[in-house]
Amino acid sequence: MRTARRDHGLSAPFCTRPLGWSMRAPDLAKQPRIRRMTDIKTYGMSERADHLDFDIRSQLVRPPLVRPHRHEYFQIQISLQGDTEQNVAGTVRPFRRGYLSFILPYRVHVIPHPEGSRYVIINMAQQFLRPGLDVDPLDLEDVPLSRAPELAPFLFQEYTDFYFSEDEFADIEALLDKLAQENANRRFGSVEIIRGLMLQLLGLTCRKFEADLLRLSASQAQQGSRRAGLQRAVRYIREHLAGEITLADAAAAAFLSPNYLAHLLKKETGKTFTDLVTERRLEFAQELLAHSSQRIAAVAHASGFADEAYFARRFRQRFGQTPRAFRDSVRARISGA
């Protein structure tokens, strides 16, 4: 589907196009602290692209997004000029001329482009990249490379710097120019040509970084990434047991989307987010009952339960005895020892 034609500034190659305007890189230290995941916007293709399947543009078309955000679609950013860093799912890597950044759907990320930067952004829907790949975007990390090798750069962006030397980068720039020209003048057969050029770009990346990508695949690095995300979420829960804990806030602390965190918890632990929070609160209450002299009402509140009766009911469901009976049994064992 195509919307009204707009000037993409693509009449000249990306590598020679003069910069029409610039954005100063944001001072991230001065940015407002993101307290809730609802502060992180999720963008659809219709909001950031002129086509719903594939789009390519230079920095001339839209002001860059300077706050952490995520997309429903795949994205590739290619740096033509400028020196900055990319933050993808909490992992920071360099981003300067010759670097490509591959971003999975729903990955929280931000690339602050400094003044004078030139770059290209490619956005594409999952069904464009891999027609017939009937997999939930949240499960893409579980797709084996033997089934969809073109996913490799996206899966391992957090572990690899996808950098091309000047000679190698010339081939990348040539592909970008062809992609931009075909996309700007779509006609019968254009989608197939664009997909073919896109696969060439991914193929060049996979071939250059073949050893690293196969090693990471064999070591199941993406599982380590999932574990790290879960650990960050669990750490956040543990540190905020006494207060209100929301899925959105825990996801923000883990650099994950709320849907992905909930999905990951269910897959890895078999528990819902609410189940996990309640379990951790009850375990913490156990510790307080056993090793402090706080009143039971105080223990309930310190563990995040506003209502003492509800706390007592959940405690008995979990441990088979009331909080008072548990404390008495602990004291009896200590005195008997």
Foldseek 3Di string as FASTA:
>chain_A
DFDDADDQQLPDFLLPRADPFWDAFDPVVPDDDDQFLVVAEEDACVVPARDNFKHKGKCNPDPFDRAWYFYQWKKKKAWNAAWWWKAWQNAIDIHGHQWMAIAQGQITIGTGGHTPTMMMMMTGHPCLQPNPPPDRSLCPLVDACVVPVLCLCHLCRSPDTQGDDPVRVVVVSVLSSVLNVLVSPPDVPSSVVNNVSVVVNSVSSCVVCVVVSVVCSVVSVSVVLLVQLVVQLVVVLLVQQLEDDDLRSSCVSSSGHSVSNQVSCCVPPVDGPVVSSLVSLLVQLLVCLLPHPDDQCVSCNNRHHNDSVVSQVSNCVVPVHGSVVSSVVNVVVVVVD
